[in-house]
Amino acid sequence: MTLLEKLRQALSKNQKDQISEPVADSKEISAEPQIIRMNKVFSETEKTMRLSKLTQRESDTFYLLLQGYTLKETAKLLGVKYSTANTHMTELYRKLGVNSRAELIINYKGCHKSGP
């Protein structure tokens, strides 16, 4: 089961604060799974506040990433270099309080607009 599937399963069970992850590196695997806490459950007000802090380019990058475009495709659609799109993505992750595309999609999937 992939990490994204585990996240979806946890969210569907209304367990937004816990995800079970087995310990794979240990020679002795305990019977109890390791728990990863997700402290990033944002209210709609907080999401709106965080989104309002994005620049126009960060916002455009955000919506394209949310729609499933790769960073390379996003850069091409925005007419910027890959490194510039990567900078926009890094800043929007920081401003939105996420560390990965999976977190971005899970926390902000309902925040859509028509596009850049």
N, C-alpha and C. Protein backbone atom coordinates (compact mmCIF):
# COMPACT_ATOMS: atom_id res chain seq x y z
N MET A 1 0.85 -1.17 0.00
CA MET A 1 0.00 0.00 0.00
C MET A 1 0.90 1.23 0.00
N THR A 2 0.66 2.13 -0.94
CA THR A 2 1.47 3.33 -1.06
C THR A 2 1.10 4.33 0.04
N LEU A 3 1.97 5.30 0.22
CA LEU A 3 1.73 6.33 1.22
C LEU A 3 0.45 7.10 0.92
N LEU A 4 0.22 7.41 -0.36
CA LEU A 4 -0.98 8.14 -0.74
C LEU A 4 -2.23 7.33 -0.42
N GLU A 5 -2.19 6.02 -0.68
CA GLU A 5 -3.33 5.16 -0.35
C GLU A 5 -3.58 5.12 1.15
N LYS A 6 -2.49 5.08 1.94
CA LYS A 6 -2.62 5.09 3.39
C LYS A 6 -3.24 6.41 3.87
N LEU A 7 -2.82 7.51 3.24
CA LEU A 7 -3.39 8.81 3.60
C LEU A 7 -4.88 8.86 3.28
N ARG A 8 -5.24 8.39 2.11
CA ARG A 8 -6.66 8.37 1.73
C ARG A 8 -7.47 7.48 2.66
N GLN A 9 -6.93 6.32 3.02
CA GLN A 9 -7.62 5.40 3.91
C GLN A 9 -7.83 6.04 5.28
N ALA A 10 -6.79 6.70 5.78
CA ALA A 10 -6.90 7.35 7.08
C ALA A 10 -7.93 8.46 7.06
N LEU A 11 -7.95 9.24 5.97
CA LEU A 11 -8.92 10.32 5.86
C LEU A 11 -10.34 9.79 5.74
N SER A 12 -10.50 8.68 5.04
CA SER A 12 -11.84 8.13 4.87
C SER A 12 -12.39 7.57 6.17
N LYS A 13 -11.53 7.23 7.11
CA LYS A 13 -11.95 6.71 8.40
C LYS A 13 -12.05 7.81 9.45
N ASN A 14 -11.97 9.06 9.01
CA ASN A 14 -12.00 10.21 9.92
C ASN A 14 -10.90 10.14 10.96
N GLN A 15 -9.76 9.59 10.57
CA GLN A 15 -8.60 9.55 11.45
C GLN A 15 -7.55 10.49 10.87
N LYS A 16 -7.89 11.74 10.76
CA LYS A 16 -7.03 12.71 10.10
C LYS A 16 -5.74 12.98 10.85
N ASP A 17 -5.64 12.50 12.06
CA ASP A 17 -4.43 12.78 12.82
C ASP A 17 -3.48 11.60 12.94
N GLN A 18 -3.82 10.42 12.37
CA GLN A 18 -2.95 9.26 12.49
C GLN A 18 -2.91 8.46 11.22
N ILE A 19 -1.74 7.92 10.91
CA ILE A 19 -1.57 7.00 9.80
C ILE A 19 -0.67 5.89 10.29
N SER A 20 -1.08 4.65 10.08
CA SER A 20 -0.25 3.53 10.50
C SER A 20 0.80 3.26 9.45
N GLU A 21 2.02 3.07 9.90
CA GLU A 21 3.14 2.79 9.00
C GLU A 21 3.98 1.70 9.64
N PRO A 22 4.12 0.53 9.01
CA PRO A 22 4.93 -0.51 9.60
C PRO A 22 6.40 -0.13 9.60
N VAL A 23 7.13 -0.61 10.57
CA VAL A 23 8.56 -0.37 10.66
C VAL A 23 9.24 -1.37 9.74
N ALA A 24 9.93 -0.89 8.68
CA ALA A 24 10.51 -1.78 7.69
C ALA A 24 12.00 -1.98 7.87
N ASP A 25 12.69 -1.05 8.50
CA ASP A 25 14.14 -1.12 8.60
C ASP A 25 14.63 -1.98 9.76
N SER A 26 13.81 -2.26 10.71
CA SER A 26 14.20 -3.00 11.89
C SER A 26 14.22 -4.50 11.63
N LYS A 27 15.19 -5.20 12.23
CA LYS A 27 15.22 -6.66 12.11
C LYS A 27 14.07 -7.27 12.87
N GLU A 28 13.75 -6.70 14.01
CA GLU A 28 12.62 -7.17 14.79
C GLU A 28 11.47 -6.21 14.57
N ILE A 29 10.44 -6.71 13.95
CA ILE A 29 9.28 -5.87 13.67
C ILE A 29 8.27 -6.10 14.78
N SER A 30 7.91 -5.02 15.47
CA SER A 30 6.96 -5.15 16.57
C SER A 30 5.56 -5.37 16.02
N ALA A 31 4.70 -5.86 16.89
CA ALA A 31 3.32 -6.13 16.49
C ALA A 31 2.54 -4.84 16.31
N GLU A 32 2.95 -3.76 16.96
CA GLU A 32 2.24 -2.50 16.86
C GLU A 32 2.86 -1.64 15.77
N PRO A 33 2.04 -1.05 14.89
CA PRO A 33 2.59 -0.21 13.82
C PRO A 33 3.10 1.12 14.38
N GLN A 34 4.04 1.67 13.67
CA GLN A 34 4.56 2.99 14.01
C GLN A 34 3.52 4.02 13.57
N ILE A 35 3.30 5.03 14.36
CA ILE A 35 2.30 6.04 14.06
C ILE A 35 2.98 7.31 13.57
N ILE A 36 2.51 7.82 12.46
CA ILE A 36 2.97 9.11 11.95
C ILE A 36 1.83 10.10 12.19
N ARG A 37 2.12 11.13 12.90
CA ARG A 37 1.09 12.13 13.21
C ARG A 37 1.08 13.19 12.12
N MET A 38 -0.11 13.49 11.63
CA MET A 38 -0.27 14.57 10.67
C MET A 38 -0.85 15.76 11.42
N ASN A 39 -0.03 16.74 11.71
CA ASN A 39 -0.48 17.91 12.45
C ASN A 39 -1.07 18.96 11.53
N LYS A 40 -1.18 18.66 10.26
CA LYS A 40 -1.58 19.65 9.29
C LYS A 40 -3.02 19.42 8.82
N VAL A 41 -3.96 19.71 9.67
CA VAL A 41 -5.36 19.69 9.29
C VAL A 41 -5.83 21.14 9.39
N PHE A 42 -6.05 21.76 8.23
CA PHE A 42 -6.34 23.18 8.20
C PHE A 42 -7.84 23.44 8.09
N SER A 43 -8.31 24.47 8.79
CA SER A 43 -9.70 24.89 8.65
C SER A 43 -9.85 25.64 7.32
N GLU A 44 -11.07 25.78 6.86
CA GLU A 44 -11.32 26.50 5.60
C GLU A 44 -10.85 27.94 5.69
N THR A 45 -11.03 28.56 6.86
CA THR A 45 -10.58 29.94 7.06
C THR A 45 -9.06 30.04 6.95
N GLU A 46 -8.37 29.08 7.57
CA GLU A 46 -6.91 29.08 7.51
C GLU A 46 -6.41 28.82 6.09
N LYS A 47 -7.09 27.91 5.37
CA LYS A 47 -6.71 27.65 3.98
C LYS A 47 -6.84 28.92 3.15
N THR A 48 -7.95 29.61 3.30
CA THR A 48 -8.19 30.85 2.56
C THR A 48 -7.14 31.89 2.90
N MET A 49 -6.81 32.01 4.18
CA MET A 49 -5.80 32.97 4.61
C MET A 49 -4.44 32.63 4.00
N ARG A 50 -4.07 31.36 4.04
CA ARG A 50 -2.78 30.94 3.48
C ARG A 50 -2.75 31.16 1.97
N LEU A 51 -3.84 30.83 1.27
CA LEU A 51 -3.90 31.01 -0.18
C LEU A 51 -3.80 32.48 -0.56
N SER A 52 -4.34 33.35 0.26
CA SER A 52 -4.30 34.79 -0.04
C SER A 52 -2.88 35.36 0.03
N LYS A 53 -1.97 34.65 0.69
CA LYS A 53 -0.58 35.11 0.81
C LYS A 53 0.28 34.73 -0.39
N LEU A 54 -0.25 33.92 -1.31
CA LEU A 54 0.52 33.52 -2.49
C LEU A 54 0.59 34.65 -3.50
N THR A 55 1.74 34.77 -4.17
CA THR A 55 1.85 35.70 -5.28
C THR A 55 1.03 35.15 -6.45
N GLN A 56 0.85 35.94 -7.50
CA GLN A 56 0.08 35.48 -8.66
C GLN A 56 0.73 34.25 -9.29
N ARG A 57 2.05 34.26 -9.45
CA ARG A 57 2.75 33.13 -10.07
C ARG A 57 2.70 31.89 -9.18
N GLU A 58 2.84 32.09 -7.87
CA GLU A 58 2.72 30.96 -6.94
C GLU A 58 1.31 30.38 -6.99
N SER A 59 0.32 31.26 -7.10
CA SER A 59 -1.06 30.82 -7.20
C SER A 59 -1.30 30.04 -8.49
N ASP A 60 -0.77 30.53 -9.60
CA ASP A 60 -0.89 29.81 -10.87
C ASP A 60 -0.22 28.43 -10.78
N THR A 61 0.96 28.40 -10.18
CA THR A 61 1.68 27.13 -10.00
C THR A 61 0.87 26.19 -9.12
N PHE A 62 0.31 26.72 -8.04
CA PHE A 62 -0.51 25.94 -7.11
C PHE A 62 -1.66 25.25 -7.84
N TYR A 63 -2.43 26.00 -8.62
CA TYR A 63 -3.59 25.43 -9.28
C TYR A 63 -3.21 24.41 -10.35
N LEU A 64 -2.10 24.62 -11.04
CA LEU A 64 -1.65 23.65 -12.02
C LEU A 64 -1.17 22.36 -11.34
N LEU A 65 -0.44 22.49 -10.25
CA LEU A 65 0.00 21.31 -9.51
C LEU A 65 -1.20 20.56 -8.94
N LEU A 66 -2.17 21.29 -8.46
CA LEU A 66 -3.37 20.69 -7.89
C LEU A 66 -4.16 19.93 -8.95
N GLN A 67 -4.10 20.40 -10.20
CA GLN A 67 -4.79 19.72 -11.30
C GLN A 67 -4.03 18.49 -11.79
N GLY A 68 -2.82 18.26 -11.28
CA GLY A 68 -2.08 17.06 -11.63
C GLY A 68 -0.96 17.24 -12.63
N TYR A 69 -0.69 18.47 -13.02
CA TYR A 69 0.43 18.72 -13.93
C TYR A 69 1.75 18.49 -13.21
N THR A 70 2.74 17.99 -13.94
CA THR A 70 4.08 17.86 -13.36
C THR A 70 4.70 19.25 -13.28
N LEU A 71 5.79 19.33 -12.55
CA LEU A 71 6.46 20.63 -12.43
C LEU A 71 7.01 21.07 -13.78
N LYS A 72 7.49 20.13 -14.57
CA LYS A 72 8.00 20.44 -15.90
C LYS A 72 6.88 20.97 -16.80
N GLU A 73 5.72 20.33 -16.76
CA GLU A 73 4.57 20.80 -17.55
C GLU A 73 4.10 22.16 -17.06
N THR A 74 4.11 22.35 -15.75
CA THR A 74 3.71 23.62 -15.16
C THR A 74 4.61 24.75 -15.65
N ALA A 75 5.92 24.50 -15.65
CA ALA A 75 6.87 25.51 -16.12
C ALA A 75 6.59 25.87 -17.57
N LYS A 76 6.33 24.87 -18.39
CA LYS A 76 6.06 25.11 -19.81
C LYS A 76 4.77 25.92 -19.99
N LEU A 77 3.72 25.55 -19.26
CA LEU A 77 2.44 26.28 -19.36
C LEU A 77 2.56 27.72 -18.88
N LEU A 78 3.39 27.95 -17.89
CA LEU A 78 3.57 29.31 -17.37
C LEU A 78 4.59 30.11 -18.16
N GLY A 79 5.34 29.43 -19.04
CA GLY A 79 6.34 30.11 -19.85
C GLY A 79 7.56 30.53 -19.06
N VAL A 80 7.93 29.72 -18.07
CA VAL A 80 9.10 30.00 -17.26
C VAL A 80 10.03 28.79 -17.27
N LYS A 81 11.25 29.00 -16.80
CA LYS A 81 12.19 27.89 -16.69
C LYS A 81 11.77 26.95 -15.55
N TYR A 82 12.23 25.72 -15.66
CA TYR A 82 11.93 24.72 -14.63
C TYR A 82 12.38 25.21 -13.25
N SER A 83 13.56 25.79 -13.18
CA SER A 83 14.09 26.25 -11.89
C SER A 83 13.22 27.34 -11.29
N THR A 84 12.65 28.18 -12.13
CA THR A 84 11.75 29.23 -11.64
C THR A 84 10.47 28.62 -11.09
N ALA A 85 9.90 27.66 -11.83
CA ALA A 85 8.70 26.96 -11.35
C ALA A 85 8.99 26.23 -10.05
N ASN A 86 10.19 25.66 -9.93
CA ASN A 86 10.58 24.97 -8.71
C ASN A 86 10.65 25.95 -7.54
N THR A 87 11.14 27.14 -7.79
CA THR A 87 11.19 28.18 -6.75
C THR A 87 9.78 28.56 -6.31
N HIS A 88 8.87 28.74 -7.29
CA HIS A 88 7.48 29.05 -6.96
C HIS A 88 6.88 27.93 -6.12
N MET A 89 7.13 26.68 -6.50
CA MET A 89 6.59 25.54 -5.78
C MET A 89 7.13 25.50 -4.35
N THR A 90 8.43 25.71 -4.19
CA THR A 90 9.04 25.69 -2.87
C THR A 90 8.42 26.75 -1.97
N GLU A 91 8.24 27.94 -2.50
CA GLU A 91 7.64 29.03 -1.72
C GLU A 91 6.19 28.75 -1.38
N LEU A 92 5.43 28.21 -2.33
CA LEU A 92 4.02 27.95 -2.02
C LEU A 92 3.90 26.82 -1.02
N TYR A 93 4.76 25.80 -1.07
CA TYR A 93 4.76 24.76 -0.04
C TYR A 93 5.01 25.39 1.33
N ARG A 94 5.98 26.31 1.40
CA ARG A 94 6.29 26.96 2.67
C ARG A 94 5.12 27.78 3.17
N LYS A 95 4.53 28.57 2.28
CA LYS A 95 3.42 29.44 2.68
C LYS A 95 2.16 28.66 3.04
N LEU A 96 1.95 27.51 2.39
CA LEU A 96 0.76 26.72 2.65
C LEU A 96 0.96 25.70 3.77
N GLY A 97 2.21 25.55 4.22
CA GLY A 97 2.48 24.65 5.34
C GLY A 97 2.44 23.18 4.98
N VAL A 98 2.88 22.85 3.76
CA VAL A 98 2.94 21.45 3.33
C VAL A 98 4.36 21.11 2.92
N ASN A 99 4.65 19.81 2.87
CA ASN A 99 6.00 19.36 2.52
C ASN A 99 6.05 18.51 1.27
N SER A 100 4.90 18.19 0.69
CA SER A 100 4.89 17.32 -0.48
C SER A 100 3.65 17.58 -1.32
N ARG A 101 3.67 17.05 -2.53
CA ARG A 101 2.51 17.17 -3.42
C ARG A 101 1.31 16.44 -2.81
N ALA A 102 1.56 15.30 -2.17
CA ALA A 102 0.47 14.55 -1.54
C ALA A 102 -0.22 15.39 -0.47
N GLU A 103 0.55 16.05 0.39
CA GLU A 103 -0.03 16.93 1.40
C GLU A 103 -0.78 18.08 0.76
N LEU A 104 -0.23 18.63 -0.29
CA LEU A 104 -0.86 19.73 -1.00
C LEU A 104 -2.24 19.30 -1.50
N ILE A 105 -2.30 18.15 -2.15
CA ILE A 105 -3.56 17.67 -2.72
C ILE A 105 -4.56 17.32 -1.62
N ILE A 106 -4.11 16.64 -0.59
CA ILE A 106 -5.02 16.24 0.50
C ILE A 106 -5.59 17.45 1.22
N ASN A 107 -4.75 18.43 1.51
CA ASN A 107 -5.21 19.58 2.28
C ASN A 107 -5.94 20.64 1.45
N TYR A 108 -5.65 20.71 0.15
CA TYR A 108 -6.21 21.80 -0.66
C TYR A 108 -6.99 21.32 -1.87
N LYS A 109 -7.41 20.06 -1.91
CA LYS A 109 -8.06 19.53 -3.11
C LYS A 109 -9.37 20.21 -3.46
N GLY A 110 -10.04 20.83 -2.52
CA GLY A 110 -11.30 21.50 -2.80
C GLY A 110 -11.14 22.95 -3.26
N CYS A 111 -9.93 23.42 -3.32
CA CYS A 111 -9.66 24.82 -3.67
C CYS A 111 -9.35 24.91 -5.16
N HIS A 112 -10.37 25.06 -5.99
CA HIS A 112 -10.17 25.09 -7.43
C HIS A 112 -10.56 26.43 -8.00
N LYS A 113 -10.00 26.70 -9.16
CA LYS A 113 -10.43 27.83 -9.98
C LYS A 113 -10.30 27.39 -11.43
N SER A 114 -10.63 28.23 -12.35
CA SER A 114 -10.63 27.87 -13.75
C SER A 114 -9.23 27.63 -14.32
N GLY A 115 -8.20 28.22 -13.74
CA GLY A 115 -6.84 28.01 -14.21
C GLY A 115 -6.05 29.30 -14.21
N PRO A 116 -4.76 29.23 -14.63
CA PRO A 116 -3.91 30.41 -14.59
C PRO A 116 -4.29 31.44 -15.63
